[in-house]
């Protein structure tokens, strides 16, 4: 997959800092969050830690460069995204969250939205799967996290069926790697890359960047 930067629309032709087994958490930031949102962030973070996933959010990295580009690279480099929206959230904050969620869905990341209270959702996302804060919350969140292993297996199967389409197979291998952290997927991707003669491309080529994960 070729990645285009949201800042200028050009191809992102530098190595991505991939973050296997990491979840990008999208929610309102700041000290004035409702207590229930703070508690939810802690509950989600604890569940992710138990599932052996690290957690990053907009405050996790300081680059000294463009803020939008920083958020975009965080979102793209993580295999999982969880958005937390709550009743009374500011419209501009909701827009930012769904902008980031849209990136992740467009790049094939595993995403889910957690709703706290009676939240008015954008019409374009009415078909998106949600986890509501109710009596079934813990079970539903655990189910989502448990399903990630099945998704990795699915991507591995797709990659094995698509070896005649090497760049697509490599992309599926990368998705499986990001979900599992298993280095075997990196080796398999490089094998596909070399077996199709792509090893002759230059070190700065987009093709070589796709296999370097």
N, C-alpha and C. Protein backbone atom coordinates (compact mmCIF):
# COMPACT_ATOMS: atom_id res chain seq x y z
N UNK A 1 0.84 -1.20 0.00
CA UNK A 1 0.00 0.00 0.00
C UNK A 1 0.87 1.24 0.00
N UNK A 2 0.48 2.21 -0.81
CA UNK A 2 1.19 3.48 -0.86
C UNK A 2 0.48 4.47 0.06
N UNK A 3 1.23 5.16 0.90
CA UNK A 3 0.66 6.09 1.86
C UNK A 3 0.88 7.53 1.38
N UNK A 4 -0.20 8.29 1.38
CA UNK A 4 -0.14 9.70 0.98
C UNK A 4 -0.35 10.58 2.22
N UNK A 5 0.54 11.53 2.42
CA UNK A 5 0.45 12.40 3.59
C UNK A 5 -0.76 13.33 3.51
N UNK A 6 -1.47 13.53 4.62
CA UNK A 6 -2.61 14.46 4.61
C UNK A 6 -2.18 15.91 4.56
N UNK A 7 -0.93 16.18 4.85
CA UNK A 7 -0.46 17.57 4.90
C UNK A 7 -0.26 18.19 3.52
N UNK A 8 0.17 17.37 2.54
CA UNK A 8 0.43 17.91 1.22
C UNK A 8 -0.03 17.01 0.08
N UNK A 9 -0.54 15.81 0.40
CA UNK A 9 -1.03 14.90 -0.63
C UNK A 9 0.05 14.14 -1.36
N UNK A 10 1.31 14.33 -0.98
CA UNK A 10 2.41 13.63 -1.64
C UNK A 10 2.64 12.26 -1.00
N UNK A 11 3.33 11.39 -1.75
CA UNK A 11 3.65 10.05 -1.24
C UNK A 11 4.59 10.17 -0.05
N UNK A 12 4.29 9.40 0.99
CA UNK A 12 5.17 9.35 2.16
C UNK A 12 6.28 8.35 1.85
N UNK A 13 7.41 8.86 1.38
CA UNK A 13 8.48 8.00 0.85
C UNK A 13 9.64 7.85 1.82
N UNK A 14 9.34 7.89 3.11
CA UNK A 14 10.36 7.60 4.13
C UNK A 14 9.86 6.44 4.98
N UNK A 15 10.79 5.78 5.64
CA UNK A 15 10.45 4.60 6.43
C UNK A 15 9.49 4.95 7.57
N UNK A 16 8.41 4.17 7.67
CA UNK A 16 7.46 4.35 8.75
C UNK A 16 7.97 3.67 10.01
N UNK A 17 7.71 4.28 11.16
CA UNK A 17 8.05 3.66 12.43
C UNK A 17 6.88 2.77 12.86
N UNK A 18 6.88 1.52 12.40
CA UNK A 18 5.77 0.62 12.66
C UNK A 18 5.69 0.25 14.14
N UNK A 19 4.46 0.08 14.64
CA UNK A 19 4.23 -0.17 16.06
C UNK A 19 3.40 -1.44 16.23
N UNK A 20 4.03 -2.62 16.12
CA UNK A 20 3.26 -3.86 16.28
C UNK A 20 2.65 -3.98 17.67
N UNK A 21 1.47 -4.61 17.72
CA UNK A 21 0.73 -4.83 18.96
C UNK A 21 0.56 -3.53 19.75
N UNK A 22 0.12 -2.50 19.03
CA UNK A 22 -0.13 -1.21 19.64
C UNK A 22 -1.50 -0.71 19.21
N UNK A 23 -2.21 -0.08 20.14
CA UNK A 23 -3.52 0.51 19.86
C UNK A 23 -3.43 2.02 19.93
N UNK A 24 -3.95 2.68 18.90
CA UNK A 24 -4.04 4.14 18.89
C UNK A 24 -5.38 4.52 19.51
N UNK A 25 -5.33 5.20 20.65
CA UNK A 25 -6.52 5.57 21.39
C UNK A 25 -6.92 6.99 21.01
N UNK A 26 -8.15 7.14 20.54
CA UNK A 26 -8.66 8.44 20.08
C UNK A 26 -9.76 8.91 21.02
N UNK A 27 -9.55 10.05 21.66
CA UNK A 27 -10.53 10.60 22.58
C UNK A 27 -10.20 12.06 22.83
N UNK A 28 -11.10 12.76 23.51
CA UNK A 28 -10.84 14.15 23.88
C UNK A 28 -9.63 14.20 24.82
N UNK A 29 -8.82 15.24 24.67
CA UNK A 29 -7.63 15.39 25.49
C UNK A 29 -7.83 16.54 26.47
N UNK A 30 -6.98 16.59 27.49
CA UNK A 30 -7.02 17.69 28.44
C UNK A 30 -7.42 17.25 29.82
N UNK A 31 -7.32 18.17 30.77
CA UNK A 31 -7.59 17.87 32.18
C UNK A 31 -9.07 18.00 32.54
N UNK A 32 -9.88 18.57 31.65
CA UNK A 32 -11.28 18.83 31.97
C UNK A 32 -12.21 17.71 31.49
N UNK A 33 -11.68 16.55 31.26
CA UNK A 33 -12.51 15.43 30.82
C UNK A 33 -13.47 15.02 31.93
N UNK A 34 -14.69 14.59 31.57
CA UNK A 34 -15.59 14.03 32.58
C UNK A 34 -14.95 12.82 33.24
N UNK A 35 -15.27 12.61 34.51
CA UNK A 35 -14.67 11.50 35.25
C UNK A 35 -14.93 10.16 34.58
N UNK A 36 -16.13 10.00 34.00
CA UNK A 36 -16.44 8.72 33.37
C UNK A 36 -15.57 8.45 32.15
N UNK A 37 -15.14 9.52 31.47
CA UNK A 37 -14.25 9.35 30.34
C UNK A 37 -12.85 8.96 30.83
N UNK A 38 -12.41 9.59 31.90
CA UNK A 38 -11.11 9.22 32.47
C UNK A 38 -11.12 7.77 32.94
N UNK A 39 -12.20 7.36 33.56
CA UNK A 39 -12.30 5.97 34.01
C UNK A 39 -12.33 5.01 32.82
N UNK A 40 -13.03 5.41 31.76
CA UNK A 40 -13.08 4.56 30.58
C UNK A 40 -11.71 4.40 29.95
N UNK A 41 -10.97 5.49 29.86
CA UNK A 41 -9.62 5.40 29.30
C UNK A 41 -8.78 4.42 30.10
N UNK A 42 -8.91 4.45 31.42
CA UNK A 42 -8.15 3.53 32.26
C UNK A 42 -8.61 2.10 32.05
N UNK A 43 -9.91 1.88 31.94
CA UNK A 43 -10.44 0.52 31.72
C UNK A 43 -9.95 -0.05 30.39
N UNK A 44 -10.00 0.78 29.36
CA UNK A 44 -9.56 0.32 28.05
C UNK A 44 -8.06 0.05 28.06
N UNK A 45 -7.30 0.94 28.67
CA UNK A 45 -5.84 0.75 28.74
C UNK A 45 -5.49 -0.52 29.49
N UNK A 46 -6.20 -0.79 30.58
CA UNK A 46 -5.95 -2.01 31.35
C UNK A 46 -6.27 -3.25 30.53
N UNK A 47 -7.40 -3.22 29.81
CA UNK A 47 -7.78 -4.37 28.97
C UNK A 47 -6.76 -4.60 27.87
N UNK A 48 -6.25 -3.53 27.28
CA UNK A 48 -5.25 -3.67 26.23
C UNK A 48 -3.94 -4.22 26.78
N UNK A 49 -3.55 -3.76 27.95
CA UNK A 49 -2.33 -4.27 28.58
C UNK A 49 -2.46 -5.76 28.85
N UNK A 50 -3.61 -6.19 29.33
CA UNK A 50 -3.83 -7.62 29.58
C UNK A 50 -3.77 -8.42 28.29
N UNK A 51 -4.21 -7.80 27.19
CA UNK A 51 -4.14 -8.46 25.89
C UNK A 51 -2.77 -8.32 25.24
N UNK A 52 -1.82 -7.71 25.96
CA UNK A 52 -0.45 -7.52 25.52
C UNK A 52 -0.35 -6.55 24.33
N UNK A 53 -1.16 -5.49 24.41
CA UNK A 53 -1.07 -4.39 23.45
C UNK A 53 -0.62 -3.14 24.19
N UNK A 54 0.29 -2.39 23.58
CA UNK A 54 0.66 -1.09 24.11
C UNK A 54 -0.39 -0.05 23.67
N UNK A 55 -0.41 1.08 24.34
CA UNK A 55 -1.38 2.13 24.05
C UNK A 55 -0.64 3.42 23.73
N UNK A 56 -1.05 4.07 22.63
CA UNK A 56 -0.53 5.40 22.31
C UNK A 56 -1.71 6.31 22.02
N UNK A 57 -1.52 7.60 22.24
CA UNK A 57 -2.54 8.59 21.88
C UNK A 57 -1.82 9.84 21.37
N UNK A 58 -2.58 10.90 21.15
CA UNK A 58 -2.00 12.10 20.55
C UNK A 58 -0.89 12.70 21.40
N UNK A 59 -0.89 12.42 22.70
CA UNK A 59 0.12 12.99 23.59
C UNK A 59 1.33 12.08 23.77
N UNK A 60 1.37 10.96 23.06
CA UNK A 60 2.40 9.95 23.30
C UNK A 60 3.75 10.29 22.70
N UNK A 61 3.78 11.18 21.70
CA UNK A 61 5.04 11.48 21.04
C UNK A 61 5.14 12.97 20.77
N UNK A 62 6.34 13.49 20.92
CA UNK A 62 6.63 14.89 20.60
C UNK A 62 7.71 14.90 19.55
N UNK A 63 7.39 15.41 18.37
CA UNK A 63 8.36 15.37 17.27
C UNK A 63 8.96 16.73 16.96
N UNK A 64 8.31 17.82 17.42
CA UNK A 64 8.79 19.14 17.08
C UNK A 64 8.49 19.53 15.65
N UNK A 65 7.67 18.71 14.97
CA UNK A 65 7.33 18.97 13.58
C UNK A 65 5.82 19.18 13.46
N UNK A 66 5.29 18.98 12.27
CA UNK A 66 3.88 19.22 12.02
C UNK A 66 3.00 18.31 12.87
N UNK A 67 2.03 18.91 13.60
CA UNK A 67 1.19 18.14 14.52
C UNK A 67 0.30 17.16 13.76
N UNK A 68 -0.30 17.60 12.65
CA UNK A 68 -1.17 16.72 11.88
C UNK A 68 -0.39 15.52 11.35
N UNK A 69 0.82 15.76 10.88
CA UNK A 69 1.64 14.67 10.36
C UNK A 69 1.99 13.69 11.48
N UNK A 70 2.20 14.21 12.69
CA UNK A 70 2.50 13.33 13.83
C UNK A 70 1.32 12.41 14.12
N UNK A 71 0.11 12.98 14.16
CA UNK A 71 -1.08 12.18 14.45
C UNK A 71 -1.30 11.15 13.36
N UNK A 72 -1.11 11.56 12.11
CA UNK A 72 -1.30 10.65 10.99
C UNK A 72 -0.34 9.46 11.07
N UNK A 73 0.94 9.72 11.35
CA UNK A 73 1.90 8.62 11.42
C UNK A 73 1.61 7.70 12.59
N UNK A 74 1.11 8.24 13.70
CA UNK A 74 0.71 7.38 14.81
C UNK A 74 -0.45 6.47 14.40
N UNK A 75 -1.45 7.05 13.76
CA UNK A 75 -2.62 6.28 13.36
C UNK A 75 -2.27 5.20 12.35
N UNK A 76 -1.45 5.55 11.35
CA UNK A 76 -1.11 4.60 10.29
C UNK A 76 -0.24 3.47 10.81
N UNK A 77 0.64 3.77 11.77
CA UNK A 77 1.62 2.78 12.22
C UNK A 77 1.07 1.77 13.21
N UNK A 78 -0.14 1.99 13.72
CA UNK A 78 -0.74 1.09 14.71
C UNK A 78 -1.76 0.17 14.03
N UNK A 79 -1.84 -1.09 14.43
CA UNK A 79 -2.80 -2.00 13.80
C UNK A 79 -4.22 -1.89 14.34
N UNK A 80 -4.38 -1.26 15.50
CA UNK A 80 -5.69 -1.20 16.16
C UNK A 80 -5.99 0.24 16.56
N UNK A 81 -7.24 0.64 16.40
CA UNK A 81 -7.67 1.96 16.85
C UNK A 81 -8.96 1.87 17.63
N UNK A 82 -9.00 2.52 18.78
CA UNK A 82 -10.21 2.58 19.60
C UNK A 82 -10.55 4.04 19.84
N UNK A 83 -11.76 4.42 19.45
CA UNK A 83 -12.23 5.79 19.65
C UNK A 83 -13.22 5.80 20.81
N UNK A 84 -13.07 6.76 21.71
CA UNK A 84 -13.98 6.92 22.84
C UNK A 84 -14.71 8.25 22.66
N UNK A 85 -16.03 8.19 22.50
CA UNK A 85 -16.83 9.40 22.37
C UNK A 85 -17.85 9.43 23.51
N UNK A 86 -18.15 10.63 23.99
CA UNK A 86 -19.01 10.74 25.15
C UNK A 86 -20.06 11.84 24.97
N UNK A 87 -21.09 11.73 25.73
CA UNK A 87 -22.16 12.72 25.70
C UNK A 87 -21.60 14.08 26.10
N UNK A 88 -21.90 15.11 25.32
CA UNK A 88 -21.39 16.44 25.61
C UNK A 88 -20.05 16.74 24.98
N UNK A 89 -19.51 15.82 24.19
CA UNK A 89 -18.22 16.06 23.55
C UNK A 89 -18.35 17.24 22.58
N UNK A 90 -17.30 18.05 22.48
CA UNK A 90 -17.33 19.21 21.59
C UNK A 90 -17.39 18.75 20.13
N UNK A 91 -18.15 19.45 19.30
CA UNK A 91 -18.25 19.06 17.88
C UNK A 91 -16.89 18.98 17.19
N UNK A 92 -16.00 19.94 17.48
CA UNK A 92 -14.70 19.93 16.82
C UNK A 92 -13.86 18.74 17.27
N UNK A 93 -14.04 18.33 18.53
CA UNK A 93 -13.32 17.16 19.01
C UNK A 93 -13.85 15.89 18.36
N UNK A 94 -15.18 15.79 18.25
CA UNK A 94 -15.80 14.66 17.57
C UNK A 94 -15.29 14.58 16.13
N UNK A 95 -15.20 15.74 15.46
CA UNK A 95 -14.72 15.75 14.08
C UNK A 95 -13.29 15.23 13.98
N UNK A 96 -12.43 15.67 14.90
CA UNK A 96 -11.04 15.20 14.90
C UNK A 96 -10.96 13.69 15.08
N UNK A 97 -11.75 13.17 16.02
CA UNK A 97 -11.73 11.74 16.29
C UNK A 97 -12.16 10.94 15.07
N UNK A 98 -13.23 11.39 14.41
CA UNK A 98 -13.70 10.64 13.25
C UNK A 98 -12.80 10.84 12.04
N UNK A 99 -12.09 11.93 11.98
CA UNK A 99 -11.08 12.12 10.94
C UNK A 99 -9.97 11.08 11.10
N UNK A 100 -9.49 10.92 12.33
CA UNK A 100 -8.45 9.94 12.62
C UNK A 100 -8.97 8.52 12.41
N UNK A 101 -10.20 8.27 12.83
CA UNK A 101 -10.80 6.95 12.64
C UNK A 101 -10.92 6.62 11.16
N UNK A 102 -11.26 7.63 10.35
CA UNK A 102 -11.34 7.43 8.91
C UNK A 102 -10.02 7.03 8.29
N UNK A 103 -8.93 7.64 8.75
CA UNK A 103 -7.60 7.22 8.28
C UNK A 103 -7.41 5.74 8.54
N UNK A 104 -7.67 5.32 9.77
CA UNK A 104 -7.37 3.95 10.15
C UNK A 104 -8.22 2.96 9.37
N UNK A 105 -9.48 3.28 9.17
CA UNK A 105 -10.33 2.39 8.41
C UNK A 105 -9.90 2.32 6.95
N UNK A 106 -9.49 3.45 6.39
CA UNK A 106 -9.04 3.47 5.00
C UNK A 106 -7.79 2.63 4.79
N UNK A 107 -6.94 2.54 5.81
CA UNK A 107 -5.71 1.77 5.72
C UNK A 107 -5.87 0.35 6.25
N UNK A 108 -7.10 -0.09 6.49
CA UNK A 108 -7.36 -1.47 6.87
C UNK A 108 -7.02 -1.82 8.29
N UNK A 109 -7.03 -0.84 9.19
CA UNK A 109 -6.76 -1.14 10.59
C UNK A 109 -8.03 -1.64 11.28
N UNK A 110 -7.85 -2.32 12.41
CA UNK A 110 -9.00 -2.85 13.16
C UNK A 110 -9.48 -1.76 14.11
N UNK A 111 -10.73 -1.35 13.97
CA UNK A 111 -11.22 -0.22 14.76
C UNK A 111 -12.54 -0.54 15.43
N UNK A 112 -12.80 0.18 16.52
CA UNK A 112 -14.08 0.10 17.20
C UNK A 112 -14.30 1.42 17.93
N UNK A 113 -15.58 1.78 18.11
CA UNK A 113 -15.94 3.01 18.80
C UNK A 113 -16.64 2.65 20.11
N UNK A 114 -16.24 3.30 21.18
CA UNK A 114 -16.88 3.13 22.49
C UNK A 114 -17.72 4.36 22.77
N UNK A 115 -18.99 4.14 23.05
CA UNK A 115 -19.93 5.23 23.32
C UNK A 115 -20.21 5.32 24.81
N UNK A 116 -20.11 6.54 25.34
CA UNK A 116 -20.47 6.80 26.73
C UNK A 116 -21.66 7.75 26.73
N UNK A 117 -22.81 7.26 27.14
CA UNK A 117 -24.00 8.11 27.18
C UNK A 117 -24.69 8.20 25.83
N UNK A 118 -25.60 9.14 25.73
CA UNK A 118 -26.41 9.34 24.53
C UNK A 118 -25.66 10.28 23.58
N UNK A 119 -24.84 9.68 22.73
CA UNK A 119 -23.99 10.45 21.82
C UNK A 119 -24.65 10.51 20.45
N UNK A 120 -24.74 11.71 19.89
CA UNK A 120 -25.25 11.86 18.53
C UNK A 120 -24.10 11.61 17.55
N UNK A 121 -24.25 10.56 16.74
CA UNK A 121 -23.16 10.12 15.89
C UNK A 121 -23.31 10.66 14.47
N UNK A 122 -22.19 10.87 13.78
CA UNK A 122 -22.26 11.31 12.38
C UNK A 122 -22.98 10.28 11.52
N UNK A 123 -23.77 10.73 10.56
CA UNK A 123 -24.58 9.82 9.76
C UNK A 123 -23.73 8.84 8.94
N UNK A 124 -22.53 9.26 8.54
CA UNK A 124 -21.68 8.38 7.74
C UNK A 124 -21.16 7.19 8.55
N UNK A 125 -21.31 7.23 9.87
CA UNK A 125 -20.76 6.17 10.71
C UNK A 125 -21.85 5.33 11.38
N UNK A 126 -23.08 5.43 10.91
CA UNK A 126 -24.15 4.69 11.57
C UNK A 126 -23.98 3.18 11.43
N UNK A 127 -23.20 2.74 10.43
CA UNK A 127 -22.98 1.31 10.25
C UNK A 127 -21.72 0.83 10.96
N UNK A 128 -21.01 1.72 11.60
CA UNK A 128 -19.80 1.35 12.32
C UNK A 128 -20.17 0.62 13.62
N UNK A 129 -19.40 -0.42 13.92
CA UNK A 129 -19.67 -1.19 15.13
C UNK A 129 -19.29 -0.37 16.37
N UNK A 130 -20.16 -0.42 17.36
CA UNK A 130 -19.92 0.33 18.60
C UNK A 130 -19.97 -0.60 19.80
N UNK A 131 -19.29 -0.19 20.85
CA UNK A 131 -19.41 -0.84 22.15
C UNK A 131 -19.96 0.21 23.11
N UNK A 132 -21.13 -0.02 23.61
CA UNK A 132 -21.76 0.93 24.53
C UNK A 132 -21.33 0.63 25.97
N UNK A 133 -21.32 1.67 26.77
CA UNK A 133 -21.03 1.51 28.19
C UNK A 133 -22.30 1.01 28.88
N UNK A 134 -22.44 -0.31 28.94
CA UNK A 134 -23.61 -0.92 29.57
C UNK A 134 -23.16 -2.18 30.29
N UNK A 135 -24.12 -3.01 30.65
CA UNK A 135 -23.81 -4.22 31.42
C UNK A 135 -22.94 -5.21 30.65
N UNK A 136 -22.94 -5.10 29.32
CA UNK A 136 -22.18 -6.03 28.48
C UNK A 136 -20.84 -5.46 28.03
N UNK A 137 -20.47 -4.31 28.57
CA UNK A 137 -19.28 -3.62 28.06
C UNK A 137 -18.02 -4.48 28.16
N UNK A 138 -17.73 -5.02 29.33
CA UNK A 138 -16.49 -5.79 29.52
C UNK A 138 -16.44 -6.98 28.58
N UNK A 139 -17.56 -7.68 28.45
CA UNK A 139 -17.60 -8.84 27.57
C UNK A 139 -17.38 -8.44 26.11
N UNK A 140 -18.03 -7.35 25.69
CA UNK A 140 -17.91 -6.92 24.30
C UNK A 140 -16.51 -6.41 23.96
N UNK A 141 -15.89 -5.69 24.89
CA UNK A 141 -14.53 -5.22 24.64
C UNK A 141 -13.57 -6.40 24.57
N UNK A 142 -13.73 -7.36 25.47
CA UNK A 142 -12.88 -8.56 25.45
C UNK A 142 -13.08 -9.32 24.15
N UNK A 143 -14.34 -9.38 23.66
CA UNK A 143 -14.59 -10.07 22.41
C UNK A 143 -13.89 -9.41 21.24
N UNK A 144 -13.89 -8.07 21.22
CA UNK A 144 -13.19 -7.36 20.16
C UNK A 144 -11.69 -7.66 20.20
N UNK A 145 -11.11 -7.61 21.38
CA UNK A 145 -9.67 -7.85 21.50
C UNK A 145 -9.33 -9.30 21.15
N UNK A 146 -10.19 -10.24 21.55
CA UNK A 146 -9.94 -11.64 21.22
C UNK A 146 -10.03 -11.91 19.72
N UNK A 147 -10.82 -11.11 19.02
CA UNK A 147 -11.00 -11.33 17.58
C UNK A 147 -9.79 -10.92 16.77
N UNK A 148 -8.87 -10.16 17.36
CA UNK A 148 -7.72 -9.66 16.61
C UNK A 148 -6.81 -10.78 16.14
N UNK A 149 -6.70 -11.85 16.94
CA UNK A 149 -5.90 -13.00 16.52
C UNK A 149 -6.49 -13.67 15.30
N UNK A 150 -7.83 -13.76 15.24
CA UNK A 150 -8.50 -14.34 14.08
C UNK A 150 -8.26 -13.48 12.83
N UNK A 151 -8.24 -12.16 13.01
CA UNK A 151 -7.99 -11.28 11.87
C UNK A 151 -6.58 -11.49 11.32
N UNK A 152 -5.62 -11.68 12.22
CA UNK A 152 -4.25 -11.93 11.77
C UNK A 152 -4.16 -13.23 10.98
N UNK A 153 -4.85 -14.27 11.45
CA UNK A 153 -4.88 -15.54 10.73
C UNK A 153 -5.50 -15.36 9.35
N UNK A 154 -6.55 -14.56 9.28
CA UNK A 154 -7.22 -14.30 8.01
C UNK A 154 -6.28 -13.60 7.03
N UNK A 155 -5.54 -12.61 7.51
CA UNK A 155 -4.61 -11.89 6.64
C UNK A 155 -3.49 -12.81 6.15
N UNK A 156 -3.06 -13.72 7.02
CA UNK A 156 -2.03 -14.67 6.61
C UNK A 156 -2.54 -15.57 5.49
N UNK A 157 -3.79 -16.04 5.62
CA UNK A 157 -4.36 -16.89 4.58
C UNK A 157 -4.49 -16.14 3.26
N UNK A 158 -4.94 -14.89 3.33
CA UNK A 158 -5.06 -14.09 2.11
C UNK A 158 -3.70 -13.91 1.44
N UNK A 159 -2.69 -13.64 2.23
CA UNK A 159 -1.35 -13.44 1.67
C UNK A 159 -0.87 -14.69 0.95
N UNK A 160 -1.15 -15.87 1.51
CA UNK A 160 -0.71 -17.12 0.89
C UNK A 160 -1.42 -17.38 -0.43
N UNK A 161 -2.62 -16.84 -0.58
CA UNK A 161 -3.39 -17.02 -1.81
C UNK A 161 -3.04 -15.99 -2.88
N UNK A 162 -2.30 -14.97 -2.49
CA UNK A 162 -2.06 -13.84 -3.39
C UNK A 162 -0.58 -13.66 -3.72
N UNK A 163 0.19 -14.74 -3.67
CA UNK A 163 1.62 -14.61 -3.91
C UNK A 163 1.94 -14.17 -5.34
N UNK A 164 0.99 -14.37 -6.28
CA UNK A 164 1.20 -13.88 -7.64
C UNK A 164 0.91 -12.38 -7.74
N UNK A 165 0.41 -11.81 -6.68
CA UNK A 165 0.22 -10.36 -6.57
C UNK A 165 1.05 -9.91 -5.37
N UNK A 166 2.38 -9.85 -5.55
CA UNK A 166 3.29 -9.76 -4.41
C UNK A 166 3.09 -8.55 -3.51
N UNK A 167 2.83 -7.38 -4.07
CA UNK A 167 2.72 -6.20 -3.22
C UNK A 167 1.47 -6.28 -2.33
N UNK A 168 0.39 -6.85 -2.86
CA UNK A 168 -0.80 -7.04 -2.05
C UNK A 168 -0.57 -8.08 -0.97
N UNK A 169 0.11 -9.18 -1.34
CA UNK A 169 0.44 -10.21 -0.35
C UNK A 169 1.31 -9.66 0.76
N UNK A 170 2.28 -8.82 0.39
CA UNK A 170 3.16 -8.21 1.39
C UNK A 170 2.37 -7.30 2.32
N UNK A 171 1.41 -6.57 1.78
CA UNK A 171 0.59 -5.71 2.63
C UNK A 171 -0.19 -6.52 3.65
N UNK A 172 -0.74 -7.66 3.23
CA UNK A 172 -1.44 -8.52 4.19
C UNK A 172 -0.49 -9.09 5.22
N UNK A 173 0.72 -9.44 4.80
CA UNK A 173 1.71 -9.93 5.75
C UNK A 173 2.03 -8.86 6.79
N UNK A 174 2.13 -7.62 6.34
CA UNK A 174 2.42 -6.52 7.26
C UNK A 174 1.28 -6.35 8.27
N UNK A 175 0.05 -6.45 7.80
CA UNK A 175 -1.09 -6.32 8.70
C UNK A 175 -1.10 -7.43 9.74
N UNK A 176 -0.76 -8.65 9.30
CA UNK A 176 -0.69 -9.76 10.25
C UNK A 176 0.45 -9.55 11.26
N UNK A 177 1.58 -9.04 10.76
CA UNK A 177 2.71 -8.76 11.66
C UNK A 177 2.35 -7.71 12.69
N UNK A 178 1.70 -6.64 12.26
CA UNK A 178 1.36 -5.57 13.20
C UNK A 178 0.42 -6.05 14.29
N UNK A 179 -0.47 -6.98 13.96
CA UNK A 179 -1.41 -7.50 14.96
C UNK A 179 -0.75 -8.48 15.91
N UNK A 180 0.26 -9.19 15.45
CA UNK A 180 0.85 -10.25 16.27
C UNK A 180 2.25 -9.95 16.78
N UNK A 181 3.02 -9.15 16.04
CA UNK A 181 4.42 -8.94 16.39
C UNK A 181 5.29 -10.11 16.02
N UNK A 182 4.74 -11.09 15.29
CA UNK A 182 5.48 -12.30 14.94
C UNK A 182 6.43 -12.01 13.77
N UNK A 183 7.72 -12.22 13.99
CA UNK A 183 8.72 -11.90 12.97
C UNK A 183 8.64 -12.81 11.76
N UNK A 184 7.95 -13.93 11.89
CA UNK A 184 7.82 -14.85 10.75
C UNK A 184 7.15 -14.16 9.56
N UNK A 185 6.20 -13.26 9.85
CA UNK A 185 5.53 -12.55 8.77
C UNK A 185 6.48 -11.62 8.04
N UNK A 186 7.45 -11.05 8.74
CA UNK A 186 8.45 -10.21 8.10
C UNK A 186 9.31 -11.04 7.15
N UNK A 187 9.71 -12.23 7.62
CA UNK A 187 10.53 -13.10 6.78
C UNK A 187 9.77 -13.55 5.54
N UNK A 188 8.47 -13.90 5.73
CA UNK A 188 7.66 -14.34 4.59
C UNK A 188 7.49 -13.22 3.57
N UNK A 189 7.31 -12.00 4.06
CA UNK A 189 7.15 -10.87 3.14
C UNK A 189 8.43 -10.65 2.33
N UNK A 190 9.57 -10.75 2.97
CA UNK A 190 10.84 -10.57 2.25
C UNK A 190 11.06 -11.69 1.25
N UNK A 191 10.60 -12.90 1.60
CA UNK A 191 10.72 -14.03 0.66
C UNK A 191 9.89 -13.75 -0.59
N UNK A 192 8.66 -13.27 -0.41
CA UNK A 192 7.81 -12.93 -1.55
C UNK A 192 8.46 -11.83 -2.38
N UNK A 193 8.98 -10.83 -1.70
CA UNK A 193 9.64 -9.70 -2.38
C UNK A 193 10.79 -10.18 -3.25
N UNK A 194 11.65 -11.04 -2.69
CA UNK A 194 12.82 -11.51 -3.42
C UNK A 194 12.44 -12.49 -4.53
N UNK A 195 11.45 -13.34 -4.29
CA UNK A 195 11.08 -14.37 -5.27
C UNK A 195 10.47 -13.78 -6.53
N UNK A 196 9.93 -12.57 -6.44
CA UNK A 196 9.33 -11.92 -7.61
C UNK A 196 10.31 -10.97 -8.30
N UNK A 197 11.57 -10.99 -7.89
CA UNK A 197 12.57 -10.17 -8.54
C UNK A 197 12.57 -8.72 -8.09
N UNK A 198 11.83 -8.42 -7.05
CA UNK A 198 11.75 -7.03 -6.60
C UNK A 198 12.99 -6.59 -5.84
N UNK A 199 13.87 -7.55 -5.53
CA UNK A 199 15.08 -7.18 -4.79
C UNK A 199 16.02 -6.31 -5.62
N UNK A 200 15.76 -6.23 -6.93
CA UNK A 200 16.61 -5.41 -7.79
C UNK A 200 16.25 -3.93 -7.74
N UNK A 201 15.14 -3.60 -7.07
CA UNK A 201 14.75 -2.19 -6.99
C UNK A 201 15.70 -1.44 -6.07
N UNK A 202 15.75 -0.13 -6.21
CA UNK A 202 16.68 0.68 -5.43
C UNK A 202 16.25 0.75 -3.97
N UNK A 203 17.19 1.10 -3.11
CA UNK A 203 16.91 1.17 -1.68
C UNK A 203 15.87 2.21 -1.32
N UNK A 204 15.68 3.23 -2.17
CA UNK A 204 14.74 4.29 -1.87
C UNK A 204 13.38 4.07 -2.53
N UNK A 205 13.18 2.91 -3.17
CA UNK A 205 11.95 2.67 -3.92
C UNK A 205 10.77 2.48 -2.98
N UNK A 206 9.58 2.81 -3.49
CA UNK A 206 8.35 2.60 -2.72
C UNK A 206 8.16 1.12 -2.45
N UNK A 207 8.51 0.27 -3.43
CA UNK A 207 8.36 -1.19 -3.25
C UNK A 207 9.19 -1.68 -2.06
N UNK A 208 10.42 -1.19 -1.97
CA UNK A 208 11.27 -1.65 -0.86
C UNK A 208 10.76 -1.11 0.48
N UNK A 209 10.22 0.08 0.48
CA UNK A 209 9.66 0.61 1.73
C UNK A 209 8.48 -0.24 2.20
N UNK A 210 7.73 -0.81 1.26
CA UNK A 210 6.57 -1.62 1.63
C UNK A 210 6.97 -2.89 2.36
N UNK A 211 8.13 -3.43 2.07
CA UNK A 211 8.55 -4.69 2.68
C UNK A 211 9.39 -4.46 3.94
N UNK A 212 9.80 -3.23 4.19
CA UNK A 212 10.61 -2.93 5.37
C UNK A 212 9.70 -2.60 6.55
N UNK A 213 9.30 -3.63 7.26
CA UNK A 213 8.49 -3.42 8.46
C UNK A 213 8.94 -4.37 9.55
